[in-house]
Amino acid sequence: YKKKYESLAKRRGKKRAIVAIARMILTAIYQILSTGEA
């Protein structure tokens, strides 16, 4: 997520990049709880 954040922060700014990372984490949570995989 660090490398994804650095890439996003250059284009969209730090605040929007953090929100984007939070959304990525929630999407990962959805997939983990749906599939039961790490």
ModelCIF file with pLDDT and N, C-alpha, C, O atoms, coordinates in Angstrom:
data_MODEL
#
_entry.id   MODEL 
#
_entity.id                         1 
_entity.type                       polymer 
_entity.pdbx_number_of_molecules   1 
#
_entity_poly.entity_id                      1 
_entity_poly.type                           'polypeptide(L)' 
_entity_poly.nstd_linkage                   no 
_entity_poly.nstd_monomer                   no 
_entity_poly.pdbx_seq_one_letter_code       YKKKYESLAKRRGKKRAIVAIARMILTAIYQILSTGEA 
_entity_poly.pdbx_seq_one_letter_code_can   YKKKYESLAKRRGKKRAIVAIARMILTAIYQILSTGEA 
_entity_poly.pdbx_strand_id                 A 
#
loop_
_entity_poly_seq.entity_id 
_entity_poly_seq.num 
_entity_poly_seq.mon_id 
_entity_poly_seq.hetero 
1 1  TYR n 
1 2  LYS n 
1 3  LYS n 
1 4  LYS n 
1 5  TYR n 
1 6  GLU n 
1 7  SER n 
1 8  LEU n 
1 9  ALA n 
1 10 LYS n 
1 11 ARG n 
1 12 ARG n 
1 13 GLY n 
1 14 LYS n 
1 15 LYS n 
1 16 ARG n 
1 17 ALA n 
1 18 ILE n 
1 19 VAL n 
1 20 ALA n 
1 21 ILE n 
1 22 ALA n 
1 23 ARG n 
1 24 MET n 
1 25 ILE n 
1 26 LEU n 
1 27 THR n 
1 28 ALA n 
1 29 ILE n 
1 30 TYR n 
1 31 GLN n 
1 32 ILE n 
1 33 LEU n 
1 34 SER n 
1 35 THR n 
1 36 GLY n 
1 37 GLU n 
1 38 ALA n 
#
_struct_asym.id          A 
_struct_asym.entity_id   1 
#
loop_
_ma_qa_metric.id 
_ma_qa_metric.mode 
_ma_qa_metric.name 
_ma_qa_metric.software_group_id 
_ma_qa_metric.type 
1 global pLDDT . pLDDT 
2 local  pLDDT . pLDDT 
#
_ma_qa_metric_global.metric_id      1 
_ma_qa_metric_global.metric_value   92.21 
_ma_qa_metric_global.model_id       1 
_ma_qa_metric_global.ordinal_id     1 
#
loop_
_ma_qa_metric_local.label_asym_id 
_ma_qa_metric_local.label_comp_id 
_ma_qa_metric_local.label_seq_id 
_ma_qa_metric_local.metric_id 
_ma_qa_metric_local.metric_value 
_ma_qa_metric_local.model_id 
_ma_qa_metric_local.ordinal_id 
A TYR 1  2 91.00 1 1  
A LYS 2  2 91.00 1 2  
A LYS 3  2 89.00 1 3  
A LYS 4  2 91.00 1 4  
A TYR 5  2 93.00 1 5  
A GLU 6  2 92.00 1 6  
A SER 7  2 90.00 1 7  
A LEU 8  2 92.00 1 8  
A ALA 9  2 93.00 1 9  
A LYS 10 2 92.00 1 10 
A ARG 11 2 89.00 1 11 
A ARG 12 2 89.00 1 12 
A GLY 13 2 92.00 1 13 
A LYS 14 2 92.00 1 14 
A LYS 15 2 92.00 1 15 
A ARG 16 2 92.00 1 16 
A ALA 17 2 94.00 1 17 
A ILE 18 2 95.00 1 18 
A VAL 19 2 94.00 1 19 
A ALA 20 2 94.00 1 20 
A ILE 21 2 94.00 1 21 
A ALA 22 2 95.00 1 22 
A ARG 23 2 94.00 1 23 
A MET 24 2 94.00 1 24 
A ILE 25 2 95.00 1 25 
A LEU 26 2 95.00 1 26 
A THR 27 2 94.00 1 27 
A ALA 28 2 93.00 1 28 
A ILE 29 2 95.00 1 29 
A TYR 30 2 94.00 1 30 
A GLN 31 2 93.00 1 31 
A ILE 32 2 93.00 1 32 
A LEU 33 2 93.00 1 33 
A SER 34 2 92.00 1 34 
A THR 35 2 90.00 1 35 
A GLY 36 2 89.00 1 36 
A GLU 37 2 87.00 1 37 
A ALA 38 2 87.00 1 38 
#
loop_
_atom_site.group_PDB 
_atom_site.id 
_atom_site.type_symbol 
_atom_site.label_atom_id 
_atom_site.label_alt_id 
_atom_site.label_comp_id 
_atom_site.label_asym_id 
_atom_site.label_entity_id 
_atom_site.label_seq_id 
_atom_site.pdbx_PDB_ins_code 
_atom_site.Cartn_x 
_atom_site.Cartn_y 
_atom_site.Cartn_z 
_atom_site.occupancy 
_atom_site.B_iso_or_equiv 
_atom_site.pdbx_formal_charge 
_atom_site.auth_seq_id 
_atom_site.auth_comp_id 
_atom_site.auth_asym_id 
_atom_site.auth_atom_id 
_atom_site.pdbx_PDB_model_num 
ATOM 1   N N  . TYR A 1 1  ? 0.820   -1.211  0.000  1.00 91.00 ? 1  TYR A N  1 
ATOM 2   C CA . TYR A 1 1  ? 0.000   0.000   0.000  1.00 91.00 ? 1  TYR A CA 1 
ATOM 3   C C  . TYR A 1 1  ? 0.858   1.267   0.000  1.00 91.00 ? 1  TYR A C  1 
ATOM 4   O O  . TYR A 1 1  ? 0.421   2.314   -0.477 1.00 91.00 ? 1  TYR A O  1 
ATOM 5   N N  . LYS A 1 2  ? 2.052   1.173   0.524  1.00 91.00 ? 2  LYS A N  1 
ATOM 6   C CA . LYS A 1 2  ? 2.958   2.323   0.535  1.00 91.00 ? 2  LYS A CA 1 
ATOM 7   C C  . LYS A 1 2  ? 3.280   2.783   -0.881 1.00 91.00 ? 2  LYS A C  1 
ATOM 8   O O  . LYS A 1 2  ? 3.226   3.976   -1.178 1.00 91.00 ? 2  LYS A O  1 
ATOM 9   N N  . LYS A 1 3  ? 3.615   1.836   -1.754 1.00 89.00 ? 3  LYS A N  1 
ATOM 10  C CA . LYS A 1 3  ? 3.959   2.181   -3.134 1.00 89.00 ? 3  LYS A CA 1 
ATOM 11  C C  . LYS A 1 3  ? 2.740   2.672   -3.909 1.00 89.00 ? 3  LYS A C  1 
ATOM 12  O O  . LYS A 1 3  ? 2.850   3.568   -4.746 1.00 89.00 ? 3  LYS A O  1 
ATOM 13  N N  . LYS A 1 4  ? 1.579   2.082   -3.630 1.00 91.00 ? 4  LYS A N  1 
ATOM 14  C CA . LYS A 1 4  ? 0.358   2.562   -4.269 1.00 91.00 ? 4  LYS A CA 1 
ATOM 15  C C  . LYS A 1 4  ? 0.027   3.976   -3.805 1.00 91.00 ? 4  LYS A C  1 
ATOM 16  O O  . LYS A 1 4  ? -0.410  4.810   -4.598 1.00 91.00 ? 4  LYS A O  1 
ATOM 17  N N  . TYR A 1 5  ? 0.235   4.240   -2.521 1.00 93.00 ? 5  TYR A N  1 
ATOM 18  C CA . TYR A 1 5  ? -0.029  5.578   -1.974 1.00 93.00 ? 5  TYR A CA 1 
ATOM 19  C C  . TYR A 1 5  ? 0.890   6.621   -2.604 1.00 93.00 ? 5  TYR A C  1 
ATOM 20  O O  . TYR A 1 5  ? 0.441   7.704   -2.977 1.00 93.00 ? 5  TYR A O  1 
ATOM 21  N N  . GLU A 1 6  ? 2.167   6.296   -2.721 1.00 92.00 ? 6  GLU A N  1 
ATOM 22  C CA . GLU A 1 6  ? 3.116   7.238   -3.308 1.00 92.00 ? 6  GLU A CA 1 
ATOM 23  C C  . GLU A 1 6  ? 2.759   7.562   -4.754 1.00 92.00 ? 6  GLU A C  1 
ATOM 24  O O  . GLU A 1 6  ? 2.909   8.700   -5.197 1.00 92.00 ? 6  GLU A O  1 
ATOM 25  N N  . SER A 1 7  ? 2.292   6.565   -5.481 1.00 90.00 ? 7  SER A N  1 
ATOM 26  C CA . SER A 1 7  ? 1.888   6.789   -6.869 1.00 90.00 ? 7  SER A CA 1 
ATOM 27  C C  . SER A 1 7  ? 0.639   7.666   -6.950 1.00 90.00 ? 7  SER A C  1 
ATOM 28  O O  . SER A 1 7  ? 0.553   8.551   -7.802 1.00 90.00 ? 7  SER A O  1 
ATOM 29  N N  . LEU A 1 8  ? -0.327  7.420   -6.062 1.00 92.00 ? 8  LEU A N  1 
ATOM 30  C CA . LEU A 1 8  ? -1.568  8.197   -6.060 1.00 92.00 ? 8  LEU A CA 1 
ATOM 31  C C  . LEU A 1 8  ? -1.349  9.616   -5.560 1.00 92.00 ? 8  LEU A C  1 
ATOM 32  O O  . LEU A 1 8  ? -1.940  10.561  -6.084 1.00 92.00 ? 8  LEU A O  1 
ATOM 33  N N  . ALA A 1 9  ? -0.497  9.771   -4.542 1.00 93.00 ? 9  ALA A N  1 
ATOM 34  C CA . ALA A 1 9  ? -0.268  11.091  -3.941 1.00 93.00 ? 9  ALA A CA 1 
ATOM 35  C C  . ALA A 1 9  ? 0.336   12.072  -4.940 1.00 93.00 ? 9  ALA A C  1 
ATOM 36  O O  . ALA A 1 9  ? 0.075   13.272  -4.863 1.00 93.00 ? 9  ALA A O  1 
ATOM 37  N N  . LYS A 1 10 ? 1.133   11.578  -5.867 1.00 92.00 ? 10 LYS A N  1 
ATOM 38  C CA . LYS A 1 10 ? 1.734   12.457  -6.876 1.00 92.00 ? 10 LYS A CA 1 
ATOM 39  C C  . LYS A 1 10 ? 0.667   13.066  -7.786 1.00 92.00 ? 10 LYS A C  1 
ATOM 40  O O  . LYS A 1 10 ? 0.777   14.219  -8.204 1.00 92.00 ? 10 LYS A O  1 
ATOM 41  N N  . ARG A 1 11 ? -0.357  12.282  -8.084 1.00 89.00 ? 11 ARG A N  1 
ATOM 42  C CA . ARG A 1 11 ? -1.378  12.724  -9.034 1.00 89.00 ? 11 ARG A CA 1 
ATOM 43  C C  . ARG A 1 11 ? -2.569  13.393  -8.354 1.00 89.00 ? 11 ARG A C  1 
ATOM 44  O O  . ARG A 1 11 ? -3.102  14.373  -8.873 1.00 89.00 ? 11 ARG A O  1 
ATOM 45  N N  . ARG A 1 12 ? -3.001  12.868  -7.177 1.00 89.00 ? 12 ARG A N  1 
ATOM 46  C CA . ARG A 1 12 ? -4.259  13.291  -6.570 1.00 89.00 ? 12 ARG A CA 1 
ATOM 47  C C  . ARG A 1 12 ? -4.105  14.017  -5.239 1.00 89.00 ? 12 ARG A C  1 
ATOM 48  O O  . ARG A 1 12 ? -5.080  14.568  -4.728 1.00 89.00 ? 12 ARG A O  1 
ATOM 49  N N  . GLY A 1 13 ? -2.926  14.030  -4.676 1.00 92.00 ? 13 GLY A N  1 
ATOM 50  C CA . GLY A 1 13 ? -2.725  14.656  -3.377 1.00 92.00 ? 13 GLY A CA 1 
ATOM 51  C C  . GLY A 1 13 ? -2.781  13.623  -2.254 1.00 92.00 ? 13 GLY A C  1 
ATOM 52  O O  . GLY A 1 13 ? -3.294  12.520  -2.444 1.00 92.00 ? 13 GLY A O  1 
ATOM 53  N N  . LYS A 1 14 ? -2.260  13.980  -1.099 1.00 92.00 ? 14 LYS A N  1 
ATOM 54  C CA . LYS A 1 14 ? -2.121  13.048  0.013  1.00 92.00 ? 14 LYS A CA 1 
ATOM 55  C C  . LYS A 1 14 ? -3.466  12.634  0.613  1.00 92.00 ? 14 LYS A C  1 
ATOM 56  O O  . LYS A 1 14 ? -3.667  11.458  0.917  1.00 92.00 ? 14 LYS A O  1 
ATOM 57  N N  . LYS A 1 15 ? -4.385  13.582  0.786  1.00 92.00 ? 15 LYS A N  1 
ATOM 58  C CA . LYS A 1 15 ? -5.670  13.271  1.420  1.00 92.00 ? 15 LYS A CA 1 
ATOM 59  C C  . LYS A 1 15 ? -6.497  12.314  0.573  1.00 92.00 ? 15 LYS A C  1 
ATOM 60  O O  . LYS A 1 15 ? -7.041  11.334  1.082  1.00 92.00 ? 15 LYS A O  1 
ATOM 61  N N  . ARG A 1 16 ? -6.588  12.603  -0.719 1.00 92.00 ? 16 ARG A N  1 
ATOM 62  C CA . ARG A 1 16 ? -7.340  11.722  -1.608 1.00 92.00 ? 16 ARG A CA 1 
ATOM 63  C C  . ARG A 1 16 ? -6.664  10.360  -1.730 1.00 92.00 ? 16 ARG A C  1 
ATOM 64  O O  . ARG A 1 16 ? -7.334  9.337   -1.870 1.00 92.00 ? 16 ARG A O  1 
ATOM 65  N N  . ALA A 1 17 ? -5.355  10.355  -1.678 1.00 94.00 ? 17 ALA A N  1 
ATOM 66  C CA . ALA A 1 17 ? -4.619  9.093   -1.758 1.00 94.00 ? 17 ALA A CA 1 
ATOM 67  C C  . ALA A 1 17 ? -4.916  8.213   -0.543 1.00 94.00 ? 17 ALA A C  1 
ATOM 68  O O  . ALA A 1 17 ? -5.080  7.001   -0.681 1.00 94.00 ? 17 ALA A O  1 
ATOM 69  N N  . ILE A 1 18 ? -4.985  8.814   0.638  1.00 95.00 ? 18 ILE A N  1 
ATOM 70  C CA . ILE A 1 18 ? -5.292  8.052   1.852  1.00 95.00 ? 18 ILE A CA 1 
ATOM 71  C C  . ILE A 1 18 ? -6.700  7.468   1.782  1.00 95.00 ? 18 ILE A C  1 
ATOM 72  O O  . ILE A 1 18 ? -6.914  6.314   2.153  1.00 95.00 ? 18 ILE A O  1 
ATOM 73  N N  . VAL A 1 19 ? -7.660  8.264   1.307  1.00 94.00 ? 19 VAL A N  1 
ATOM 74  C CA . VAL A 1 19 ? -9.029  7.773   1.153  1.00 94.00 ? 19 VAL A CA 1 
ATOM 75  C C  . VAL A 1 19 ? -9.068  6.620   0.151  1.00 94.00 ? 19 VAL A C  1 
ATOM 76  O O  . VAL A 1 19 ? -9.791  5.644   0.348  1.00 94.00 ? 19 VAL A O  1 
ATOM 77  N N  . ALA A 1 20 ? -8.284  6.740   -0.928 1.00 94.00 ? 20 ALA A N  1 
ATOM 78  C CA . ALA A 1 20 ? -8.219  5.671   -1.927 1.00 94.00 ? 20 ALA A CA 1 
ATOM 79  C C  . ALA A 1 20 ? -7.644  4.391   -1.323 1.00 94.00 ? 20 ALA A C  1 
ATOM 80  O O  . ALA A 1 20 ? -8.125  3.296   -1.618 1.00 94.00 ? 20 ALA A O  1 
ATOM 81  N N  . ILE A 1 21 ? -6.625  4.519   -0.485 1.00 94.00 ? 21 ILE A N  1 
ATOM 82  C CA . ILE A 1 21 ? -6.036  3.354   0.182  1.00 94.00 ? 21 ILE A CA 1 
ATOM 83  C C  . ILE A 1 21 ? -7.048  2.727   1.148  1.00 94.00 ? 21 ILE A C  1 
ATOM 84  O O  . ILE A 1 21 ? -7.144  1.503   1.241  1.00 94.00 ? 21 ILE A O  1 
ATOM 85  N N  . ALA A 1 22 ? -7.800  3.568   1.864  1.00 95.00 ? 22 ALA A N  1 
ATOM 86  C CA . ALA A 1 22 ? -8.841  3.066   2.771  1.00 95.00 ? 22 ALA A CA 1 
ATOM 87  C C  . ALA A 1 22 ? -9.890  2.271   2.000  1.00 95.00 ? 22 ALA A C  1 
ATOM 88  O O  . ALA A 1 22 ? -10.368 1.239   2.471  1.00 95.00 ? 22 ALA A O  1 
ATOM 89  N N  . ARG A 1 23 ? -10.245 2.757   0.813  1.00 94.00 ? 23 ARG A N  1 
ATOM 90  C CA . ARG A 1 23 ? -11.204 2.028   -0.015 1.00 94.00 ? 23 ARG A CA 1 
ATOM 91  C C  . ARG A 1 23 ? -10.615 0.701   -0.493 1.00 94.00 ? 23 ARG A C  1 
ATOM 92  O O  . ARG A 1 23 ? -11.317 -0.309  -0.528 1.00 94.00 ? 23 ARG A O  1 
ATOM 93  N N  . MET A 1 24 ? -9.338  0.696   -0.859 1.00 94.00 ? 24 MET A N  1 
ATOM 94  C CA . MET A 1 24 ? -8.677  -0.558  -1.258 1.00 94.00 ? 24 MET A CA 1 
ATOM 95  C C  . MET A 1 24 ? -8.707  -1.575  -0.128 1.00 94.00 ? 24 MET A C  1 
ATOM 96  O O  . MET A 1 24 ? -8.958  -2.758  -0.357 1.00 94.00 ? 24 MET A O  1 
ATOM 97  N N  . ILE A 1 25 ? -8.451  -1.111  1.092  1.00 95.00 ? 25 ILE A N  1 
ATOM 98  C CA . ILE A 1 25 ? -8.462  -2.003  2.252  1.00 95.00 ? 25 ILE A CA 1 
ATOM 99  C C  . ILE A 1 25 ? -9.866  -2.572  2.479  1.00 95.00 ? 25 ILE A C  1 
ATOM 100 O O  . ILE A 1 25 ? -10.011 -3.762  2.756  1.00 95.00 ? 25 ILE A O  1 
ATOM 101 N N  . LEU A 1 26 ? -10.898 -1.733  2.364  1.00 95.00 ? 26 LEU A N  1 
ATOM 102 C CA . LEU A 1 26 ? -12.273 -2.204  2.546  1.00 95.00 ? 26 LEU A CA 1 
ATOM 103 C C  . LEU A 1 26 ? -12.663 -3.196  1.448  1.00 95.00 ? 26 LEU A C  1 
ATOM 104 O O  . LEU A 1 26 ? -13.366 -4.170  1.717  1.00 95.00 ? 26 LEU A O  1 
ATOM 105 N N  . THR A 1 27 ? -12.215 -2.957  0.222  1.00 94.00 ? 27 THR A N  1 
ATOM 106 C CA . THR A 1 27 ? -12.464 -3.905  -0.861 1.00 94.00 ? 27 THR A CA 1 
ATOM 107 C C  . THR A 1 27 ? -11.803 -5.251  -0.574 1.00 94.00 ? 27 THR A C  1 
ATOM 108 O O  . THR A 1 27 ? -12.382 -6.309  -0.821 1.00 94.00 ? 27 THR A O  1 
ATOM 109 N N  . ALA A 1 28 ? -10.581 -5.190  -0.049 1.00 93.00 ? 28 ALA A N  1 
ATOM 110 C CA . ALA A 1 28 ? -9.886  -6.421  0.342  1.00 93.00 ? 28 ALA A CA 1 
ATOM 111 C C  . ALA A 1 28 ? -10.626 -7.138  1.466  1.00 93.00 ? 28 ALA A C  1 
ATOM 112 O O  . ALA A 1 28 ? -10.702 -8.367  1.473  1.00 93.00 ? 28 ALA A O  1 
ATOM 113 N N  . ILE A 1 29 ? -11.170 -6.382  2.413  1.00 95.00 ? 29 ILE A N  1 
ATOM 114 C CA . ILE A 1 29 ? -11.942 -6.965  3.511  1.00 95.00 ? 29 ILE A CA 1 
ATOM 115 C C  . ILE A 1 29 ? -13.181 -7.675  2.972  1.00 95.00 ? 29 ILE A C  1 
ATOM 116 O O  . ILE A 1 29 ? -13.518 -8.770  3.422  1.00 95.00 ? 29 ILE A O  1 
ATOM 117 N N  . TYR A 1 30 ? -13.852 -7.055  2.016  1.00 94.00 ? 30 TYR A N  1 
ATOM 118 C CA . TYR A 1 30 ? -15.033 -7.670  1.406  1.00 94.00 ? 30 TYR A CA 1 
ATOM 119 C C  . TYR A 1 30 ? -14.679 -9.016  0.762  1.00 94.00 ? 30 TYR A C  1 
ATOM 120 O O  . TYR A 1 30 ? -15.393 -10.003 0.937  1.00 94.00 ? 30 TYR A O  1 
ATOM 121 N N  . GLN A 1 31 ? -13.566 -9.044  0.016  1.00 93.00 ? 31 GLN A N  1 
ATOM 122 C CA . GLN A 1 31 ? -13.156 -10.276 -0.654 1.00 93.00 ? 31 GLN A CA 1 
ATOM 123 C C  . GLN A 1 31 ? -12.738 -11.345 0.356  1.00 93.00 ? 31 GLN A C  1 
ATOM 124 O O  . GLN A 1 31 ? -13.045 -12.523 0.174  1.00 93.00 ? 31 GLN A O  1 
ATOM 125 N N  . ILE A 1 32 ? -12.044 -10.943 1.411  1.00 93.00 ? 32 ILE A N  1 
ATOM 126 C CA . ILE A 1 32 ? -11.595 -11.893 2.432  1.00 93.00 ? 32 ILE A CA 1 
ATOM 127 C C  . ILE A 1 32 ? -12.786 -12.530 3.142  1.00 93.00 ? 32 ILE A C  1 
ATOM 128 O O  . ILE A 1 32 ? -12.827 -13.748 3.316  1.00 93.00 ? 32 ILE A O  1 
ATOM 129 N N  . LEU A 1 33 ? -13.758 -11.709 3.554  1.00 93.00 ? 33 LEU A N  1 
ATOM 130 C CA . LEU A 1 33 ? -14.927 -12.233 4.267  1.00 93.00 ? 33 LEU A CA 1 
ATOM 131 C C  . LEU A 1 33 ? -15.857 -13.010 3.340  1.00 93.00 ? 33 LEU A C  1 
ATOM 132 O O  . LEU A 1 33 ? -16.606 -13.875 3.795  1.00 93.00 ? 33 LEU A O  1 
ATOM 133 N N  . SER A 1 34 ? -15.814 -12.707 2.047  1.00 92.00 ? 34 SER A N  1 
ATOM 134 C CA . SER A 1 34 ? -16.660 -13.426 1.085  1.00 92.00 ? 34 SER A CA 1 
ATOM 135 C C  . SER A 1 34 ? -16.085 -14.793 0.740  1.00 92.00 ? 34 SER A C  1 
ATOM 136 O O  . SER A 1 34 ? -16.826 -15.769 0.625  1.00 92.00 ? 34 SER A O  1 
ATOM 137 N N  . THR A 1 35 ? -14.759 -14.867 0.574  1.00 90.00 ? 35 THR A N  1 
ATOM 138 C CA . THR A 1 35 ? -14.105 -16.098 0.131  1.00 90.00 ? 35 THR A CA 1 
ATOM 139 C C  . THR A 1 35 ? -13.503 -16.916 1.265  1.00 90.00 ? 35 THR A C  1 
ATOM 140 O O  . THR A 1 35 ? -13.272 -18.114 1.105  1.00 90.00 ? 35 THR A O  1 
ATOM 141 N N  . GLY A 1 36 ? -13.244 -16.280 2.414  1.00 89.00 ? 36 GLY A N  1 
ATOM 142 C CA . GLY A 1 36 ? -12.597 -16.990 3.510  1.00 89.00 ? 36 GLY A CA 1 
ATOM 143 C C  . GLY A 1 36 ? -11.124 -17.242 3.281  1.00 89.00 ? 36 GLY A C  1 
ATOM 144 O O  . GLY A 1 36 ? -10.563 -18.184 3.841  1.00 89.00 ? 36 GLY A O  1 
ATOM 145 N N  . GLU A 1 37 ? -10.479 -16.409 2.460  1.00 87.00 ? 37 GLU A N  1 
ATOM 146 C CA . GLU A 1 37 ? -9.065  -16.530 2.162  1.00 87.00 ? 37 GLU A CA 1 
ATOM 147 C C  . GLU A 1 37 ? -8.290  -15.365 2.766  1.00 87.00 ? 37 GLU A C  1 
ATOM 148 O O  . GLU A 1 37 ? -8.834  -14.277 2.956  1.00 87.00 ? 37 GLU A O  1 
ATOM 149 N N  . ALA A 1 38 ? -7.033  -15.600 3.062  1.00 87.00 ? 38 ALA A N  1 
ATOM 150 C CA . ALA A 1 38 ? -6.185  -14.547 3.608  1.00 87.00 ? 38 ALA A CA 1 
ATOM 151 C C  . ALA A 1 38 ? -5.864  -13.510 2.537  1.00 87.00 ? 38 ALA A C  1 
ATOM 152 O O  . ALA A 1 38 ? -5.157  -12.540 2.810  1.00 87.00 ? 38 ALA A O  1 
#
